[in-house]
Amino acid sequence: MYLGVTNDLARRIYEHKNKIVKGFTEKYNVNKLVYFEETGDVRSALTREKEIKKWRREKKNALVISINPEWKDLAEEEKDFSLWSK
């Protein structure tokens, strides 16, 4: 499971799906958006990312399941990510 922070979710999804940026997602063929959160504050985003990265896999899975029980690719389901604000 990949976790990251971005200021442009649509661009980042495009980069991952097209393997434009070398790294974890390219190496492990991670190409589905199954969960995301939005905030206007970069510091809180980074704090939240670090918090979730410390969790065990089971807790991360439960977070995904809480909003996406079928693990659908949200990038395919919804193009207007502003509607998903938490």
N, C-alpha and C. Protein backbone atom coordinates (compact mmCIF):
# COMPACT_ATOMS: atom_id res chain seq x y z
N MET A 1 0.86 -1.18 0.00
CA MET A 1 0.00 0.00 0.00
C MET A 1 0.90 1.24 0.00
N TYR A 2 0.61 2.14 -0.92
CA TYR A 2 1.38 3.36 -1.07
C TYR A 2 0.63 4.51 -0.41
N LEU A 3 1.36 5.33 0.33
CA LEU A 3 0.80 6.54 0.93
C LEU A 3 1.61 7.72 0.45
N GLY A 4 0.92 8.82 0.16
CA GLY A 4 1.64 10.00 -0.28
C GLY A 4 0.81 11.25 -0.15
N VAL A 5 1.47 12.37 -0.28
CA VAL A 5 0.83 13.68 -0.21
C VAL A 5 1.04 14.37 -1.54
N THR A 6 0.01 15.04 -2.03
CA THR A 6 0.11 15.78 -3.28
C THR A 6 -0.77 17.02 -3.23
N ASN A 7 -0.45 17.99 -4.04
CA ASN A 7 -1.30 19.18 -4.14
C ASN A 7 -2.19 19.12 -5.38
N ASP A 8 -2.09 18.01 -6.13
CA ASP A 8 -2.89 17.84 -7.34
C ASP A 8 -3.17 16.35 -7.53
N LEU A 9 -4.27 15.89 -6.97
CA LEU A 9 -4.58 14.46 -6.98
C LEU A 9 -4.75 13.92 -8.40
N ALA A 10 -5.45 14.63 -9.24
CA ALA A 10 -5.67 14.15 -10.62
C ALA A 10 -4.34 13.97 -11.35
N ARG A 11 -3.43 14.92 -11.20
CA ARG A 11 -2.10 14.81 -11.84
C ARG A 11 -1.34 13.61 -11.29
N ARG A 12 -1.39 13.44 -9.97
CA ARG A 12 -0.64 12.36 -9.35
C ARG A 12 -1.18 10.99 -9.78
N ILE A 13 -2.48 10.88 -9.90
CA ILE A 13 -3.08 9.64 -10.37
C ILE A 13 -2.58 9.34 -11.79
N TYR A 14 -2.60 10.35 -12.64
CA TYR A 14 -2.11 10.19 -14.01
C TYR A 14 -0.66 9.71 -14.01
N GLU A 15 0.17 10.32 -13.19
CA GLU A 15 1.59 9.94 -13.12
C GLU A 15 1.76 8.49 -12.70
N HIS A 16 0.99 8.07 -11.69
CA HIS A 16 1.10 6.69 -11.21
C HIS A 16 0.57 5.69 -12.24
N LYS A 17 -0.57 5.97 -12.81
CA LYS A 17 -1.16 5.04 -13.77
C LYS A 17 -0.31 4.90 -15.04
N ASN A 18 0.41 5.95 -15.38
CA ASN A 18 1.25 5.92 -16.58
C ASN A 18 2.72 5.69 -16.27
N LYS A 19 3.01 5.40 -15.00
CA LYS A 19 4.37 5.07 -14.53
C LYS A 19 5.39 6.11 -14.97
N ILE A 20 5.00 7.37 -14.84
CA ILE A 20 5.87 8.48 -15.24
C ILE A 20 6.96 8.71 -14.21
N VAL A 21 6.63 8.53 -12.93
CA VAL A 21 7.58 8.76 -11.85
C VAL A 21 8.14 7.43 -11.39
N LYS A 22 9.45 7.31 -11.39
CA LYS A 22 10.10 6.09 -10.92
C LYS A 22 9.92 5.98 -9.41
N GLY A 23 9.79 4.76 -8.93
CA GLY A 23 9.69 4.57 -7.49
C GLY A 23 8.80 3.40 -7.11
N PHE A 24 8.26 3.48 -5.90
CA PHE A 24 7.49 2.40 -5.30
C PHE A 24 6.33 1.94 -6.19
N THR A 25 5.54 2.89 -6.67
CA THR A 25 4.34 2.51 -7.43
C THR A 25 4.69 1.84 -8.75
N GLU A 26 5.78 2.26 -9.36
CA GLU A 26 6.20 1.60 -10.60
C GLU A 26 6.76 0.20 -10.29
N LYS A 27 7.60 0.12 -9.27
CA LYS A 27 8.25 -1.14 -8.92
C LYS A 27 7.24 -2.21 -8.54
N TYR A 28 6.21 -1.83 -7.78
CA TYR A 28 5.24 -2.79 -7.27
C TYR A 28 3.92 -2.76 -8.04
N ASN A 29 3.88 -2.07 -9.15
CA ASN A 29 2.70 -1.98 -10.01
C ASN A 29 1.45 -1.53 -9.23
N VAL A 30 1.62 -0.54 -8.40
CA VAL A 30 0.50 0.03 -7.64
C VAL A 30 -0.15 1.08 -8.53
N ASN A 31 -1.42 0.86 -8.87
CA ASN A 31 -2.05 1.78 -9.81
C ASN A 31 -3.53 2.04 -9.52
N LYS A 32 -4.00 1.72 -8.32
CA LYS A 32 -5.38 1.98 -7.95
C LYS A 32 -5.45 2.98 -6.80
N LEU A 33 -6.35 3.92 -6.91
CA LEU A 33 -6.64 4.83 -5.81
C LEU A 33 -7.81 4.24 -5.04
N VAL A 34 -7.57 3.80 -3.80
CA VAL A 34 -8.62 3.15 -3.04
C VAL A 34 -9.08 4.00 -1.85
N TYR A 35 -8.34 5.04 -1.53
CA TYR A 35 -8.68 5.90 -0.40
C TYR A 35 -7.91 7.20 -0.53
N PHE A 36 -8.52 8.30 -0.12
CA PHE A 36 -7.78 9.55 -0.01
C PHE A 36 -8.51 10.49 0.93
N GLU A 37 -7.77 11.44 1.43
CA GLU A 37 -8.30 12.50 2.28
C GLU A 37 -7.82 13.82 1.70
N GLU A 38 -8.59 14.86 1.92
CA GLU A 38 -8.21 16.19 1.45
C GLU A 38 -8.10 17.16 2.62
N THR A 39 -7.16 18.06 2.50
CA THR A 39 -7.01 19.15 3.45
C THR A 39 -6.34 20.31 2.73
N GLY A 40 -6.56 21.49 3.20
CA GLY A 40 -5.91 22.66 2.62
C GLY A 40 -4.61 22.99 3.32
N ASP A 41 -4.27 22.21 4.32
CA ASP A 41 -3.09 22.49 5.14
C ASP A 41 -2.02 21.42 4.92
N VAL A 42 -0.91 21.80 4.34
CA VAL A 42 0.16 20.86 4.01
C VAL A 42 0.72 20.19 5.27
N ARG A 43 0.89 20.96 6.33
CA ARG A 43 1.45 20.36 7.56
C ARG A 43 0.54 19.28 8.12
N SER A 44 -0.76 19.52 8.13
CA SER A 44 -1.66 18.50 8.65
C SER A 44 -1.68 17.28 7.73
N ALA A 45 -1.53 17.50 6.43
CA ALA A 45 -1.46 16.38 5.49
C ALA A 45 -0.23 15.52 5.76
N LEU A 46 0.89 16.15 5.96
CA LEU A 46 2.13 15.41 6.23
C LEU A 46 2.05 14.69 7.58
N THR A 47 1.45 15.33 8.57
CA THR A 47 1.28 14.70 9.88
C THR A 47 0.39 13.47 9.76
N ARG A 48 -0.70 13.60 9.03
CA ARG A 48 -1.62 12.48 8.83
C ARG A 48 -0.95 11.34 8.06
N GLU A 49 -0.18 11.68 7.04
CA GLU A 49 0.55 10.66 6.29
C GLU A 49 1.48 9.88 7.21
N LYS A 50 2.25 10.58 8.02
CA LYS A 50 3.18 9.92 8.94
C LYS A 50 2.43 9.05 9.94
N GLU A 51 1.28 9.53 10.42
CA GLU A 51 0.47 8.77 11.36
C GLU A 51 0.03 7.45 10.74
N ILE A 52 -0.53 7.51 9.55
CA ILE A 52 -1.05 6.31 8.89
C ILE A 52 0.09 5.35 8.53
N LYS A 53 1.23 5.88 8.13
CA LYS A 53 2.37 5.02 7.76
C LYS A 53 2.84 4.18 8.93
N LYS A 54 2.60 4.62 10.15
CA LYS A 54 3.02 3.87 11.34
C LYS A 54 2.06 2.73 11.67
N TRP A 55 0.87 2.76 11.10
CA TRP A 55 -0.14 1.75 11.40
C TRP A 55 0.23 0.39 10.83
N ARG A 56 -0.30 -0.65 11.45
CA ARG A 56 -0.19 -2.00 10.89
C ARG A 56 -1.08 -2.09 9.65
N ARG A 57 -0.78 -3.05 8.82
CA ARG A 57 -1.52 -3.23 7.57
C ARG A 57 -3.04 -3.40 7.82
N GLU A 58 -3.38 -4.14 8.86
CA GLU A 58 -4.79 -4.40 9.16
C GLU A 58 -5.55 -3.10 9.43
N LYS A 59 -4.95 -2.18 10.13
CA LYS A 59 -5.60 -0.91 10.45
C LYS A 59 -5.74 -0.06 9.18
N LYS A 60 -4.73 -0.08 8.32
CA LYS A 60 -4.81 0.64 7.05
C LYS A 60 -5.93 0.05 6.19
N ASN A 61 -6.01 -1.28 6.15
CA ASN A 61 -7.08 -1.94 5.39
C ASN A 61 -8.45 -1.53 5.92
N ALA A 62 -8.59 -1.47 7.23
CA ALA A 62 -9.88 -1.08 7.83
C ALA A 62 -10.25 0.34 7.44
N LEU A 63 -9.28 1.22 7.35
CA LEU A 63 -9.53 2.60 6.93
C LEU A 63 -10.07 2.62 5.50
N VAL A 64 -9.45 1.87 4.61
CA VAL A 64 -9.91 1.79 3.23
C VAL A 64 -11.33 1.21 3.18
N ILE A 65 -11.54 0.12 3.88
CA ILE A 65 -12.84 -0.56 3.87
C ILE A 65 -13.95 0.33 4.41
N SER A 66 -13.60 1.24 5.32
CA SER A 66 -14.62 2.12 5.90
C SER A 66 -15.30 3.01 4.86
N ILE A 67 -14.61 3.31 3.75
CA ILE A 67 -15.24 4.13 2.71
C ILE A 67 -15.29 3.42 1.35
N ASN A 68 -14.55 2.34 1.23
CA ASN A 68 -14.45 1.66 -0.07
C ASN A 68 -14.35 0.15 0.17
N PRO A 69 -15.43 -0.48 0.65
CA PRO A 69 -15.37 -1.90 1.02
C PRO A 69 -15.02 -2.84 -0.12
N GLU A 70 -15.27 -2.44 -1.34
CA GLU A 70 -14.95 -3.31 -2.48
C GLU A 70 -13.59 -3.00 -3.10
N TRP A 71 -12.86 -2.09 -2.52
CA TRP A 71 -11.53 -1.69 -3.00
C TRP A 71 -11.58 -1.30 -4.48
N LYS A 72 -12.63 -0.59 -4.85
CA LYS A 72 -12.74 -0.10 -6.23
C LYS A 72 -11.70 0.98 -6.47
N ASP A 73 -11.33 1.14 -7.72
CA ASP A 73 -10.42 2.22 -8.10
C ASP A 73 -11.22 3.52 -8.14
N LEU A 74 -11.03 4.36 -7.14
CA LEU A 74 -11.80 5.59 -7.04
C LEU A 74 -11.47 6.56 -8.17
N ALA A 75 -10.32 6.42 -8.75
CA ALA A 75 -9.96 7.27 -9.90
C ALA A 75 -10.85 6.95 -11.09
N GLU A 76 -11.32 5.71 -11.19
CA GLU A 76 -12.21 5.31 -12.27
C GLU A 76 -13.66 5.62 -11.93
N GLU A 77 -13.98 5.56 -10.65
CA GLU A 77 -15.35 5.78 -10.19
C GLU A 77 -15.75 7.25 -10.20
N GLU A 78 -14.80 8.10 -9.85
CA GLU A 78 -15.12 9.52 -9.64
C GLU A 78 -14.02 10.40 -10.19
N LYS A 79 -14.36 11.29 -11.06
CA LYS A 79 -13.36 12.19 -11.64
C LYS A 79 -13.28 13.52 -10.88
N ASP A 80 -14.35 13.89 -10.16
CA ASP A 80 -14.36 15.13 -9.39
C ASP A 80 -14.04 14.83 -7.93
N PHE A 81 -12.77 14.86 -7.59
CA PHE A 81 -12.31 14.46 -6.27
C PHE A 81 -12.72 15.44 -5.18
N SER A 82 -13.12 16.64 -5.56
CA SER A 82 -13.55 17.61 -4.55
C SER A 82 -14.81 17.14 -3.83
N LEU A 83 -15.57 16.24 -4.43
CA LEU A 83 -16.79 15.72 -3.82
C LEU A 83 -16.49 14.74 -2.69
N TRP A 84 -15.23 14.29 -2.60
CA TRP A 84 -14.86 13.28 -1.61
C TRP A 84 -14.25 13.90 -0.35
N SER A 85 -14.26 15.20 -0.22
CA SER A 85 -13.62 15.84 0.93
C SER A 85 -14.09 15.22 2.23
N LYS A 86 -13.13 15.02 3.11
CA LYS A 86 -13.42 14.44 4.41
C LYS A 86 -13.58 15.48 5.45
